[in-house]
């Protein structure tokens, strides 16, 4: 049992379990009925996505310093009680079921999912 951190739309790994989309918006041009069938996600959980303002600021300046500021501000957003509880729930579930969380970004190193991976790890999640 564990949590995988994945790129949404990529082929599912064997035994991956429930795929959770931690994105602000659903995939463009994809009918809702195709989200799971086309390996986007089974459940949409925008609570764990960075705010639109934060994404816009990060895209405006793709420097290492801007990325560090993004990560710091995303962590602050995830520290809010409603988001912290969701992260703790996923961490607890990772010891009893296989799950996957993800985003559309190609490069995980420059995606909120890399910070989300750290937050899940810090919360005691079992990561794949």
Protein backbone atom coordinates (compact mmCIF):
# COMPACT_ATOMS: atom_id res chain seq x y z
CA UNK A 1 0.00 0.00 0.00
CA UNK A 2 1.34 3.42 -0.92
CA UNK A 3 0.91 6.69 -2.75
CA UNK A 4 2.44 7.27 -6.17
CA UNK A 5 3.04 10.77 -7.45
CA UNK A 6 2.23 10.76 -11.16
CA UNK A 7 1.76 12.88 -14.25
CA UNK A 8 -1.93 12.94 -15.07
CA UNK A 9 -2.69 11.50 -18.49
CA UNK A 10 0.23 9.06 -18.27
CA UNK A 11 -0.38 5.32 -18.39
CA UNK A 12 -1.35 3.87 -15.04
CA UNK A 13 1.08 1.64 -13.22
CA UNK A 14 -0.05 -1.83 -12.28
CA UNK A 15 -1.80 -1.71 -8.90
CA UNK A 16 -1.74 2.08 -8.85
CA UNK A 17 -5.17 2.33 -7.23
CA UNK A 18 -7.37 5.39 -7.16
CA UNK A 19 -5.89 8.31 -9.13
CA UNK A 20 -6.51 11.75 -7.63
CA UNK A 21 -6.15 14.90 -9.69
CA UNK A 22 -4.62 17.67 -7.58
CA UNK A 23 -5.12 20.32 -10.26
CA UNK A 24 -7.03 23.58 -10.33
CA UNK A 25 -8.85 22.81 -13.62
CA UNK A 26 -10.02 19.62 -15.38
CA UNK A 27 -8.24 18.61 -18.60
CA UNK A 28 -9.21 20.82 -21.54
CA UNK A 29 -11.27 19.29 -24.30
CA UNK A 30 -11.78 15.99 -22.50
CA UNK A 31 -15.36 14.94 -21.73
CA UNK A 32 -15.92 14.23 -18.04
CA UNK A 33 -16.90 10.66 -18.95
CA UNK A 34 -13.34 10.09 -20.27
CA UNK A 35 -11.31 11.38 -17.28
CA UNK A 36 -10.74 7.96 -15.71
CA UNK A 37 -10.78 5.97 -18.95
CA UNK A 38 -8.04 8.15 -20.45
CA UNK A 39 -5.87 8.01 -17.30
CA UNK A 40 -6.42 11.60 -16.20
CA UNK A 41 -7.95 10.95 -12.78
CA UNK A 42 -10.74 9.12 -10.95
CA UNK A 43 -11.38 11.86 -8.39
CA UNK A 44 -10.72 15.57 -8.68
CA UNK A 45 -9.30 17.23 -5.54
CA UNK A 46 -8.52 20.86 -6.40
CA UNK A 47 -7.92 21.64 -2.69
CA UNK A 48 -4.36 20.39 -3.13
CA UNK A 49 -3.66 22.48 -6.23
CA UNK A 50 -1.83 25.79 -5.89
CA UNK A 51 -4.01 28.87 -6.11
CA UNK A 52 -4.43 30.50 -9.51
CA UNK A 53 -2.53 33.57 -8.31
CA UNK A 54 0.39 31.44 -7.17
CA UNK A 55 0.57 29.58 -10.49
CA UNK A 56 0.45 32.86 -12.41
CA UNK A 57 3.29 34.32 -10.34
CA UNK A 58 5.43 31.21 -10.84
CA UNK A 59 4.88 31.18 -14.59
CA UNK A 60 5.83 34.86 -14.87
CA UNK A 61 9.37 34.21 -13.61
CA UNK A 62 10.81 30.72 -14.22
CA UNK A 63 14.00 31.27 -12.19
CA UNK A 64 15.36 29.12 -9.34
CA UNK A 65 14.62 31.93 -6.88
CA UNK A 66 11.03 32.18 -8.14
CA UNK A 67 10.66 28.40 -7.79
CA UNK A 68 11.81 28.58 -4.17
CA UNK A 69 9.28 31.36 -3.53
CA UNK A 70 6.58 29.25 -5.20
CA UNK A 71 7.41 26.22 -3.03
CA UNK A 72 7.36 28.34 0.13
CA UNK A 73 4.01 29.94 -0.75
CA UNK A 74 2.49 26.58 -1.81
CA UNK A 75 3.54 25.09 1.54
CA UNK A 76 1.82 28.02 3.26
CA UNK A 77 -1.37 27.34 1.30
CA UNK A 78 -1.23 23.65 2.23
CA UNK A 79 -0.71 24.54 5.91
CA UNK A 80 -4.27 25.89 6.10
CA UNK A 81 -6.34 23.51 8.25
CA UNK A 82 -8.67 22.36 5.45
CA UNK A 83 -5.72 21.41 3.22
CA UNK A 84 -3.56 20.02 6.02
CA UNK A 85 -6.38 17.63 6.99
CA UNK A 86 -6.63 16.32 3.42
CA UNK A 87 -2.87 15.70 3.29
CA UNK A 88 -3.04 13.88 6.63
CA UNK A 89 -5.98 11.79 5.38
CA UNK A 90 -4.08 10.76 2.24
CA UNK A 91 -1.02 9.93 4.35
CA UNK A 92 -3.11 7.69 6.60
CA UNK A 93 -4.86 6.04 3.65
CA UNK A 94 -1.49 5.26 2.05
CA UNK A 95 -0.95 2.61 4.74
CA UNK A 96 -4.17 0.81 3.81
CA UNK A 97 -4.68 1.37 0.08
CA UNK A 98 -2.85 2.19 -3.13
CA UNK A 99 -3.41 5.75 -4.32
CA UNK A 100 -1.92 8.11 -6.86
CA UNK A 101 -1.89 11.90 -6.85
CA UNK A 102 -0.84 14.02 -9.75
CA UNK A 103 -0.74 17.03 -12.01
CA UNK A 104 -0.38 17.69 -15.74
CA UNK A 105 3.13 19.19 -15.63
CA UNK A 106 5.77 17.36 -17.60
CA UNK A 107 8.66 18.13 -15.22
CA UNK A 108 7.91 17.08 -11.65
CA UNK A 109 10.89 19.08 -10.39
CA UNK A 110 9.10 22.29 -11.46
CA UNK A 111 5.61 21.18 -10.43
CA UNK A 112 3.66 21.48 -7.19
CA UNK A 113 3.51 17.71 -7.05
CA UNK A 114 7.19 17.62 -6.03
CA UNK A 115 6.33 19.77 -3.01
CA UNK A 116 3.17 17.73 -2.40
CA UNK A 117 5.35 14.59 -2.35
CA UNK A 118 7.46 16.21 0.40
CA UNK A 119 4.36 17.24 2.36
CA UNK A 120 2.94 13.72 2.16
CA UNK A 121 6.28 12.26 3.27
CA UNK A 122 6.45 14.72 6.18
CA UNK A 123 2.94 13.60 7.18
CA UNK A 124 4.02 9.96 7.37
CA UNK A 125 2.68 8.76 4.02
CA UNK A 126 4.03 5.56 2.56
CA UNK A 127 5.32 6.67 -0.86
CA UNK A 128 5.97 4.41 -3.84
